Amino acid sequence: MVGVEALVRWQHPRRGLMSPAAFIAIAEDSGLIREIGRHVLRKASDQLREWTDNFPSLNLYLNVNTSGAELSDPAYVTNLQETLSAARLDFRRLQLEVTESIFLHRPAVVGEVLASIRALGIRVALDDFGTGYSSLGYLDRYQIDTVKIDRSFVAGLPSRPHAAAIVKAIVELGRTMGLGVVAEGVEDDLQLRVLQDVGCGLVQGYLLGRPAPADDITALLARNEAGIRLTT
C-alpha cells in the first residue's frame, strides 16, 4: 500500500514557493478555502486516477486535508461524491484529514457530516493527534479511522522519555480501538527505530521523502512498480 498526500503550495511572484501555513488561515477567514479545497480535491482525484491506471500493481490511496469551513458547507458531501465519481475513483481510496479544531464549532453538524462521509466508504483521519484538549473524547464521540501522532511528540524521540511514552500509548490505544496510527514528522533513523519498536507501522516525514511535484511522484511510483515486478 502506498499513500499519497495532496499538498497545496502558492508560487508567489516575489516570495517564491510558500507553504500552506502562510496562507491557509487567510483563505479560511476570507471564505476562499472552500474553492481551494474543491480545486485540490479535483486535481488530486484526477491525478490518483491516472496513477492507478498506470500502476495497477500498486495499492494507492490518497489523503486530503479538509477544514471546518468546508465541512460546515451543506453542499460539501455532494461535491465530494460528484468529484470522486467524475474521476472514476474508488471512494475507499480516499482518506480525509481533519484537525481537532473542527469540533470546537457546531460539533453536532460536523459529526453528521463525518458520518455521511464514512457512509460513502471514505475514511477519516484525525490529524495532529494529542495536541488538543479533548483528543480522547473525540475518538469516543466521532467516527474516526486513523490517528496521526503530532510531530511534536515524534521530534522528542528518543531523547525525551515522556514523548516516547506518549507515542507508545497512542499506538497501543489505536491497536485496541482498531484504528490506523501514523507518526508524522519522522526526520531521522533514530526516530524511525523507536516507532518501529513500539509497533507503529505507518510513518511520514522528510526521512522518507519531501513534498514533490506530481511528475516526481510518477517516477517514484514507476520505480516501485518495477521493483514489485522483479520480486514476483
C-alpha atoms as a PDB file:
ATOM      1  CA  MET A   1       0.000   0.000   0.000  1.00  0.00           C
ATOM      2  CA  VAL A   2       1.362   3.420  -0.989  1.00  0.00           C
ATOM      3  CA  GLY A   3      -0.153   6.605   0.396  1.00  0.00           C
ATOM      4  CA  VAL A   4      -0.099   9.929  -1.406  1.00  0.00           C
ATOM      5  CA  GLU A   5      -0.975  13.142   0.395  1.00  0.00           C
ATOM      6  CA  ALA A   6      -2.309  16.080  -1.594  1.00  0.00           C
ATOM      7  CA  LEU A   7      -0.467  19.266  -0.666  1.00  0.00           C
ATOM      8  CA  VAL A   8      -1.187  22.792  -1.837  1.00  0.00           C
ATOM      9  CA  ARG A   9       1.553  25.382  -2.356  1.00  0.00           C
ATOM     10  CA  TRP A  10       1.432  29.003  -3.523  1.00  0.00           C
ATOM     11  CA  GLN A  11       4.004  30.114  -6.078  1.00  0.00           C
ATOM     12  CA  HIS A  12       4.267  33.761  -5.015  1.00  0.00           C
ATOM     13  CA  PRO A  13       5.784  36.122  -7.631  1.00  0.00           C
ATOM     14  CA  ARG A  14       8.194  37.659  -5.102  1.00  0.00           C
ATOM     15  CA  ARG A  15       8.381  35.291  -2.135  1.00  0.00           C
ATOM     16  CA  GLY A  16       8.699  32.075  -4.103  1.00  0.00           C
ATOM     17  CA  LEU A  17       7.076  28.795  -3.085  1.00  0.00           C
ATOM     18  CA  MET A  18       5.012  29.296   0.069  1.00  0.00           C
ATOM     19  CA  SER A  19       3.689  26.572   2.367  1.00  0.00           C
ATOM     20  CA  PRO A  20       0.029  26.337   3.442  1.00  0.00           C
ATOM     21  CA  ALA A  21       0.909  27.769   6.860  1.00  0.00           C
ATOM     22  CA  ALA A  22       1.473  31.126   5.178  1.00  0.00           C
ATOM     23  CA  PHE A  23      -1.955  31.482   3.584  1.00  0.00           C
ATOM     24  CA  ILE A  24      -4.494  28.887   4.741  1.00  0.00           C
ATOM     25  CA  ALA A  25      -5.659  30.981   7.719  1.00  0.00           C
ATOM     26  CA  ILE A  26      -6.298  33.926   5.382  1.00  0.00           C
ATOM     27  CA  ALA A  27      -8.145  31.660   2.961  1.00  0.00           C
ATOM     28  CA  GLU A  28     -10.360  30.393   5.780  1.00  0.00           C
ATOM     29  CA  ASP A  29     -11.157  33.915   7.011  1.00  0.00           C
ATOM     30  CA  SER A  30     -11.996  35.106   3.506  1.00  0.00           C
ATOM     31  CA  GLY A  31     -14.052  32.059   2.565  1.00  0.00           C
ATOM     32  CA  LEU A  32     -11.687  31.136  -0.276  1.00  0.00           C
ATOM     33  CA  ILE A  33     -10.790  27.898   1.487  1.00  0.00           C
ATOM     34  CA  ARG A  34     -13.863  26.183   0.069  1.00  0.00           C
ATOM     35  CA  GLU A  35     -12.879  26.915  -3.525  1.00  0.00           C
ATOM     36  CA  ILE A  36      -9.256  25.954  -2.802  1.00  0.00           C
ATOM     37  CA  GLY A  37     -10.454  22.713  -1.220  1.00  0.00           C
ATOM     38  CA  ARG A  38     -12.630  21.842  -4.221  1.00  0.00           C
ATOM     39  CA  HIS A  39      -9.747  22.580  -6.604  1.00  0.00           C
ATOM     40  CA  VAL A  40      -7.271  20.465  -4.612  1.00  0.00           C
ATOM     41  CA  LEU A  41      -9.686  17.537  -4.352  1.00  0.00           C
ATOM     42  CA  ARG A  42     -10.493  17.664  -8.079  1.00  0.00           C
ATOM     43  CA  LYS A  43      -6.841  17.817  -9.165  1.00  0.00           C
ATOM     44  CA  ALA A  44      -5.731  15.180  -6.651  1.00  0.00           C
ATOM     45  CA  SER A  45      -8.543  12.793  -7.607  1.00  0.00           C
ATOM     46  CA  ASP A  46      -7.758  13.090 -11.313  1.00  0.00           C
ATOM     47  CA  GLN A  47      -4.069  12.512 -10.597  1.00  0.00           C
ATOM     48  CA  LEU A  48      -4.746   9.451  -8.466  1.00  0.00           C
ATOM     49  CA  ARG A  49      -6.987   8.047 -11.210  1.00  0.00           C
ATOM     50  CA  GLU A  50      -4.092   8.426 -13.658  1.00  0.00           C
ATOM     51  CA  TRP A  51      -1.669   6.736 -11.274  1.00  0.00           C
ATOM     52  CA  THR A  52      -3.998   3.811 -10.539  1.00  0.00           C
ATOM     53  CA  ASP A  53      -4.466   3.274 -14.283  1.00  0.00           C
ATOM     54  CA  ASN A  54      -0.719   3.407 -14.980  1.00  0.00           C
ATOM     55  CA  PHE A  55       0.452   1.431 -11.924  1.00  0.00           C
ATOM     56  CA  PRO A  56      -2.218  -1.225 -11.298  1.00  0.00           C
ATOM     57  CA  SER A  57       0.021  -3.394  -9.124  1.00  0.00           C
ATOM     58  CA  LEU A  58       0.373  -0.639  -6.518  1.00  0.00           C
ATOM     59  CA  ASN A  59      -2.356  -0.268  -3.902  1.00  0.00           C
ATOM     60  CA  LEU A  60      -2.557   3.522  -3.926  1.00  0.00           C
ATOM     61  CA  TYR A  61      -4.642   5.722  -1.671  1.00  0.00           C
ATOM     62  CA  LEU A  62      -4.991   9.465  -1.266  1.00  0.00           C
ATOM     63  CA  ASN A  63      -5.048  11.691   1.805  1.00  0.00           C
ATOM     64  CA  VAL A  64      -6.576  15.167   1.501  1.00  0.00           C
ATOM     65  CA  ASN A  65      -6.758  17.773   4.254  1.00  0.00           C
ATOM     66  CA  THR A  66     -10.098  19.460   4.845  1.00  0.00           C
ATOM     67  CA  SER A  67     -11.145  22.332   7.101  1.00  0.00           C
ATOM     68  CA  GLY A  68     -14.026  23.119   9.384  1.00  0.00           C
ATOM     69  CA  ALA A  69     -15.254  25.744   6.921  1.00  0.00           C
ATOM     70  CA  GLU A  70     -15.533  23.095   4.220  1.00  0.00           C
ATOM     71  CA  LEU A  71     -17.262  20.577   6.465  1.00  0.00           C
ATOM     72  CA  SER A  72     -19.845  23.171   7.502  1.00  0.00           C
ATOM     73  CA  ASP A  73     -20.802  23.728   3.857  1.00  0.00           C
ATOM     74  CA  PRO A  74     -24.172  21.999   3.230  1.00  0.00           C
ATOM     75  CA  ALA A  75     -23.012  21.055  -0.276  1.00  0.00           C
ATOM     76  CA  TYR A  76     -19.704  19.539   0.855  1.00  0.00           C
ATOM     77  CA  VAL A  77     -20.669  15.852   0.825  1.00  0.00           C
ATOM     78  CA  THR A  78     -22.463  16.184  -2.518  1.00  0.00           C
ATOM     79  CA  ASN A  79     -19.462  17.951  -4.080  1.00  0.00           C
ATOM     80  CA  LEU A  80     -17.174  15.292  -2.645  1.00  0.00           C
ATOM     81  CA  GLN A  81     -19.237  12.480  -4.105  1.00  0.00           C
ATOM     82  CA  GLU A  82     -19.534  14.157  -7.510  1.00  0.00           C
ATOM     83  CA  THR A  83     -15.794  14.874  -7.705  1.00  0.00           C
ATOM     84  CA  LEU A  84     -14.772  11.294  -6.933  1.00  0.00           C
ATOM     85  CA  SER A  85     -17.385   9.902  -9.309  1.00  0.00           C
ATOM     86  CA  ALA A  86     -16.205  12.176 -12.120  1.00  0.00           C
ATOM     87  CA  ALA A  87     -12.660  10.906 -11.596  1.00  0.00           C
ATOM     88  CA  ARG A  88     -13.942   7.293 -11.619  1.00  0.00           C
ATOM     89  CA  LEU A  89     -12.182   6.848  -8.284  1.00  0.00           C
ATOM     90  CA  ASP A  90     -12.959   4.141  -5.760  1.00  0.00           C
ATOM     91  CA  PHE A  91     -14.179   6.075  -2.703  1.00  0.00           C
ATOM     92  CA  ARG A  92     -12.266   3.694  -0.437  1.00  0.00           C
ATOM     93  CA  ARG A  93      -9.008   5.093  -1.831  1.00  0.00           C
ATOM     94  CA  LEU A  94      -9.651   8.466  -0.188  1.00  0.00           C
ATOM     95  CA  GLN A  95      -8.974   9.475   3.400  1.00  0.00           C
ATOM     96  CA  LEU A  96      -9.863  12.969   4.598  1.00  0.00           C
ATOM     97  CA  GLU A  97      -7.665  14.507   7.267  1.00  0.00           C
ATOM     98  CA  VAL A  98      -9.258  16.783   9.854  1.00  0.00           C
ATOM     99  CA  THR A  99      -7.829  18.553  12.886  1.00  0.00           C
ATOM    100  CA  GLU A 100      -9.383  18.688  16.323  1.00  0.00           C
ATOM    101  CA  SER A 101     -10.271  22.363  15.832  1.00  0.00           C
ATOM    102  CA  ILE A 102     -13.212  21.407  13.584  1.00  0.00           C
ATOM    103  CA  PHE A 103     -15.066  20.065  16.611  1.00  0.00           C
ATOM    104  CA  LEU A 104     -14.948  23.351  18.512  1.00  0.00           C
ATOM    105  CA  HIS A 105     -17.746  24.935  16.483  1.00  0.00           C
ATOM    106  CA  ARG A 106     -21.044  23.252  15.538  1.00  0.00           C
ATOM    107  CA  PRO A 107     -19.831  19.782  16.641  1.00  0.00           C
ATOM    108  CA  ALA A 108     -23.217  18.170  16.011  1.00  0.00           C
ATOM    109  CA  VAL A 109     -23.198  19.314  12.375  1.00  0.00           C
ATOM    110  CA  VAL A 110     -19.604  18.184  11.890  1.00  0.00           C
ATOM    111  CA  GLY A 111     -20.429  14.809  13.403  1.00  0.00           C
ATOM    112  CA  GLU A 112     -23.289  14.315  10.954  1.00  0.00           C
ATOM    113  CA  VAL A 113     -21.077  15.283   8.009  1.00  0.00           C
ATOM    114  CA  LEU A 114     -18.338  12.858   9.090  1.00  0.00           C
ATOM    115  CA  ALA A 115     -20.912  10.070   9.395  1.00  0.00           C
ATOM    116  CA  SER A 116     -22.160  10.831   5.867  1.00  0.00           C
ATOM    117  CA  ILE A 117     -18.599  10.799   4.553  1.00  0.00           C
ATOM    118  CA  ARG A 118     -17.837   7.427   6.113  1.00  0.00           C
ATOM    119  CA  ALA A 119     -21.117   6.030   4.809  1.00  0.00           C
ATOM    120  CA  LEU A 120     -19.696   6.589   1.312  1.00  0.00           C
ATOM    121  CA  GLY A 121     -16.692   4.407   2.163  1.00  0.00           C
ATOM    122  CA  ILE A 122     -14.348   7.368   2.634  1.00  0.00           C
ATOM    123  CA  ARG A 123     -12.099   7.152   5.674  1.00  0.00           C
ATOM    124  CA  VAL A 124     -11.411   9.955   8.170  1.00  0.00           C
ATOM    125  CA  ALA A 125      -8.094  10.668   9.897  1.00  0.00           C
ATOM    126  CA  LEU A 126      -7.611  12.879  12.961  1.00  0.00           C
ATOM    127  CA  ASP A 127      -4.507  14.947  12.265  1.00  0.00           C
ATOM    128  CA  ASP A 128      -2.075  16.361  14.864  1.00  0.00           C
ATOM    129  CA  PHE A 129      -3.453  13.928  17.436  1.00  0.00           C
ATOM    130  CA  GLY A 130      -2.522  14.564  21.054  1.00  0.00           C
ATOM    131  CA  THR A 131      -2.260  18.352  20.953  1.00  0.00           C
ATOM    132  CA  GLY A 132      -5.926  19.198  21.565  1.00  0.00           C
ATOM    133  CA  TYR A 133      -7.609  19.476  24.938  1.00  0.00           C
ATOM    134  CA  SER A 134     -10.094  16.660  24.321  1.00  0.00           C
ATOM    135  CA  SER A 135      -8.439  14.211  21.921  1.00  0.00           C
ATOM    136  CA  LEU A 136      -9.694  11.045  23.614  1.00  0.00           C
ATOM    137  CA  GLY A 137     -13.225  12.414  23.797  1.00  0.00           C
ATOM    138  CA  TYR A 138     -13.265  12.909  20.027  1.00  0.00           C
ATOM    139  CA  LEU A 139     -12.296   9.287  19.451  1.00  0.00           C
ATOM    140  CA  ASP A 140     -15.169   8.183  21.651  1.00  0.00           C
ATOM    141  CA  ARG A 141     -17.758  10.550  20.169  1.00  0.00           C
ATOM    142  CA  TYR A 142     -16.985  10.654  16.441  1.00  0.00           C
ATOM    143  CA  GLN A 143     -16.322   8.103  13.718  1.00  0.00           C
ATOM    144  CA  ILE A 144     -12.565   8.183  13.125  1.00  0.00           C
ATOM    145  CA  ASP A 145     -10.494   5.608  11.213  1.00  0.00           C
ATOM    146  CA  THR A 146      -6.934   6.848  11.721  1.00  0.00           C
ATOM    147  CA  VAL A 147      -4.993   8.977  14.201  1.00  0.00           C
ATOM    148  CA  LYS A 148      -1.870  10.831  13.158  1.00  0.00           C
ATOM    149  CA  ILE A 149       0.569  11.354  16.018  1.00  0.00           C
ATOM    150  CA  ASP A 150       1.578  15.005  16.120  1.00  0.00           C
ATOM    151  CA  ARG A 151       5.139  15.737  15.052  1.00  0.00           C
ATOM    152  CA  SER A 152       5.886  17.466  18.369  1.00  0.00           C
ATOM    153  CA  PHE A 153       5.950  14.047  20.069  1.00  0.00           C
ATOM    154  CA  VAL A 154       7.979  12.417  17.305  1.00  0.00           C
ATOM    155  CA  ALA A 155      10.533  15.259  17.480  1.00  0.00           C
ATOM    156  CA  GLY A 156      11.219  14.284  21.092  1.00  0.00           C
ATOM    157  CA  LEU A 157      12.290  10.751  20.188  1.00  0.00           C
ATOM    158  CA  PRO A 158      14.349   9.155  21.588  1.00  0.00           C
ATOM    159  CA  SER A 159      15.767  11.779  23.977  1.00  0.00           C
ATOM    160  CA  ARG A 160      12.529  12.670  25.813  1.00  0.00           C
ATOM    161  CA  PRO A 161      11.197   9.653  27.732  1.00  0.00           C
ATOM    162  CA  HIS A 162       7.765  11.238  28.191  1.00  0.00           C
ATOM    163  CA  ALA A 163       7.388  11.752  24.436  1.00  0.00           C
ATOM    164  CA  ALA A 164       8.301   8.112  23.833  1.00  0.00           C
ATOM    165  CA  ALA A 165       5.755   7.009  26.430  1.00  0.00           C
ATOM    166  CA  ILE A 166       3.011   9.114  24.831  1.00  0.00           C
ATOM    167  CA  VAL A 167       3.775   7.735  21.364  1.00  0.00           C
ATOM    168  CA  LYS A 168       3.701   4.168  22.688  1.00  0.00           C
ATOM    169  CA  ALA A 169       0.390   4.827  24.460  1.00  0.00           C
ATOM    170  CA  ILE A 170      -1.194   6.236  21.281  1.00  0.00           C
ATOM    171  CA  VAL A 171      -0.034   3.247  19.247  1.00  0.00           C
ATOM    172  CA  GLU A 172      -1.461   0.840  21.811  1.00  0.00           C
ATOM    173  CA  LEU A 173      -4.696   2.837  22.015  1.00  0.00           C
ATOM    174  CA  GLY A 174      -5.057   2.710  18.246  1.00  0.00           C
ATOM    175  CA  ARG A 175      -4.472  -1.031  18.201  1.00  0.00           C
ATOM    176  CA  THR A 176      -7.074  -1.586  20.937  1.00  0.00           C
ATOM    177  CA  MET A 177      -9.682   0.556  19.166  1.00  0.00           C
ATOM    178  CA  GLY A 178      -8.952  -0.870  15.722  1.00  0.00           C
ATOM    179  CA  LEU A 179      -7.643   2.447  14.399  1.00  0.00           C
ATOM    180  CA  GLY A 180      -4.827   3.087  11.983  1.00  0.00           C
ATOM    181  CA  VAL A 181      -1.900   5.022  13.502  1.00  0.00           C
ATOM    182  CA  VAL A 182       0.510   7.213  11.552  1.00  0.00           C
ATOM    183  CA  ALA A 183       3.512   9.062  13.004  1.00  0.00           C
ATOM    184  CA  GLU A 184       4.161  12.475  11.460  1.00  0.00           C
ATOM    185  CA  GLY A 185       7.424  14.370  11.120  1.00  0.00           C
ATOM    186  CA  VAL A 186       9.900  11.481  11.046  1.00  0.00           C
ATOM    187  CA  GLU A 187      13.253  13.041  10.175  1.00  0.00           C
ATOM    188  CA  ASP A 188      15.971  10.620  11.262  1.00  0.00           C
ATOM    189  CA  ASP A 189      16.726   6.917  11.672  1.00  0.00           C
ATOM    190  CA  LEU A 190      16.618   7.028  15.480  1.00  0.00           C
ATOM    191  CA  GLN A 191      13.033   8.282  15.447  1.00  0.00           C
ATOM    192  CA  LEU A 192      12.077   5.618  12.935  1.00  0.00           C
ATOM    193  CA  ARG A 193      13.673   2.892  15.036  1.00  0.00           C
ATOM    194  CA  VAL A 194      11.760   3.924  18.169  1.00  0.00           C
ATOM    195  CA  LEU A 195       8.490   3.980  16.220  1.00  0.00           C
ATOM    196  CA  GLN A 196       9.193   0.527  14.821  1.00  0.00           C
ATOM    197  CA  ASP A 197       9.989  -0.769  18.312  1.00  0.00           C
ATOM    198  CA  VAL A 198       6.614   0.401  19.675  1.00  0.00           C
ATOM    199  CA  GLY A 199       4.753  -1.116  16.717  1.00  0.00           C
ATOM    200  CA  CYS A 200       3.918   1.995  14.692  1.00  0.00           C
ATOM    201  CA  GLY A 201       3.743   0.593  11.173  1.00  0.00           C
ATOM    202  CA  LEU A 202       2.975   3.784   9.217  1.00  0.00           C
ATOM    203  CA  VAL A 203       5.135   6.912   9.243  1.00  0.00           C
ATOM    204  CA  GLN A 204       5.646  10.018   7.168  1.00  0.00           C
ATOM    205  CA  GLY A 205       8.311  12.706   7.153  1.00  0.00           C
ATOM    206  CA  TYR A 206      11.377  14.085   5.448  1.00  0.00           C
ATOM    207  CA  LEU A 207      13.354  10.922   6.221  1.00  0.00           C
ATOM    208  CA  LEU A 208      11.197   9.108   3.670  1.00  0.00           C
ATOM    209  CA  GLY A 209      10.506  11.931   1.232  1.00  0.00           C
ATOM    210  CA  ARG A 210       9.749  15.608   0.860  1.00  0.00           C
ATOM    211  CA  PRO A 211       6.748  17.199  -0.861  1.00  0.00           C
ATOM    212  CA  ALA A 212       7.273  16.861  -4.601  1.00  0.00           C
ATOM    213  CA  PRO A 213       5.561  17.666  -7.918  1.00  0.00           C
ATOM    214  CA  ALA A 214       3.343  15.029  -9.497  1.00  0.00           C
ATOM    215  CA  ASP A 215       5.947  14.193 -12.157  1.00  0.00           C
ATOM    216  CA  ASP A 216       8.497  13.291  -9.479  1.00  0.00           C
ATOM    217  CA  ILE A 217       5.966  11.078  -7.684  1.00  0.00           C
ATOM    218  CA  THR A 218       5.137   9.400 -11.006  1.00  0.00           C
ATOM    219  CA  ALA A 219       8.806   8.481 -11.456  1.00  0.00           C
ATOM    220  CA  LEU A 220       8.938   7.155  -7.880  1.00  0.00           C
ATOM    221  CA  LEU A 221       5.835   5.012  -8.414  1.00  0.00           C
ATOM    222  CA  ALA A 222       7.275   3.656 -11.647  1.00  0.00           C
ATOM    223  CA  ARG A 223      10.387   2.520  -9.775  1.00  0.00           C
ATOM    224  CA  ASN A 224       8.247   0.929  -7.049  1.00  0.00           C
ATOM    225  CA  GLU A 225       6.141  -0.990  -9.540  1.00  0.00           C
ATOM    226  CA  ALA A 226       9.243  -2.145 -11.404  1.00  0.00           C
ATOM    227  CA  GLY A 227      10.637  -3.445  -8.111  1.00  0.00           C
ATOM    228  CA  ILE A 228       7.431  -5.352  -7.386  1.00  0.00           C
ATOM    229  CA  ARG A 229       7.522  -6.979 -10.817  1.00  0.00           C
ATOM    230  CA  LEU A 230      11.110  -8.106 -10.284  1.00  0.00           C
ATOM    231  CA  THR A 231      10.288  -9.812  -6.980  1.00  0.00           C
ATOM    232  CA  THR A 232       7.114 -11.608  -8.094  1.00  0.00           C
END
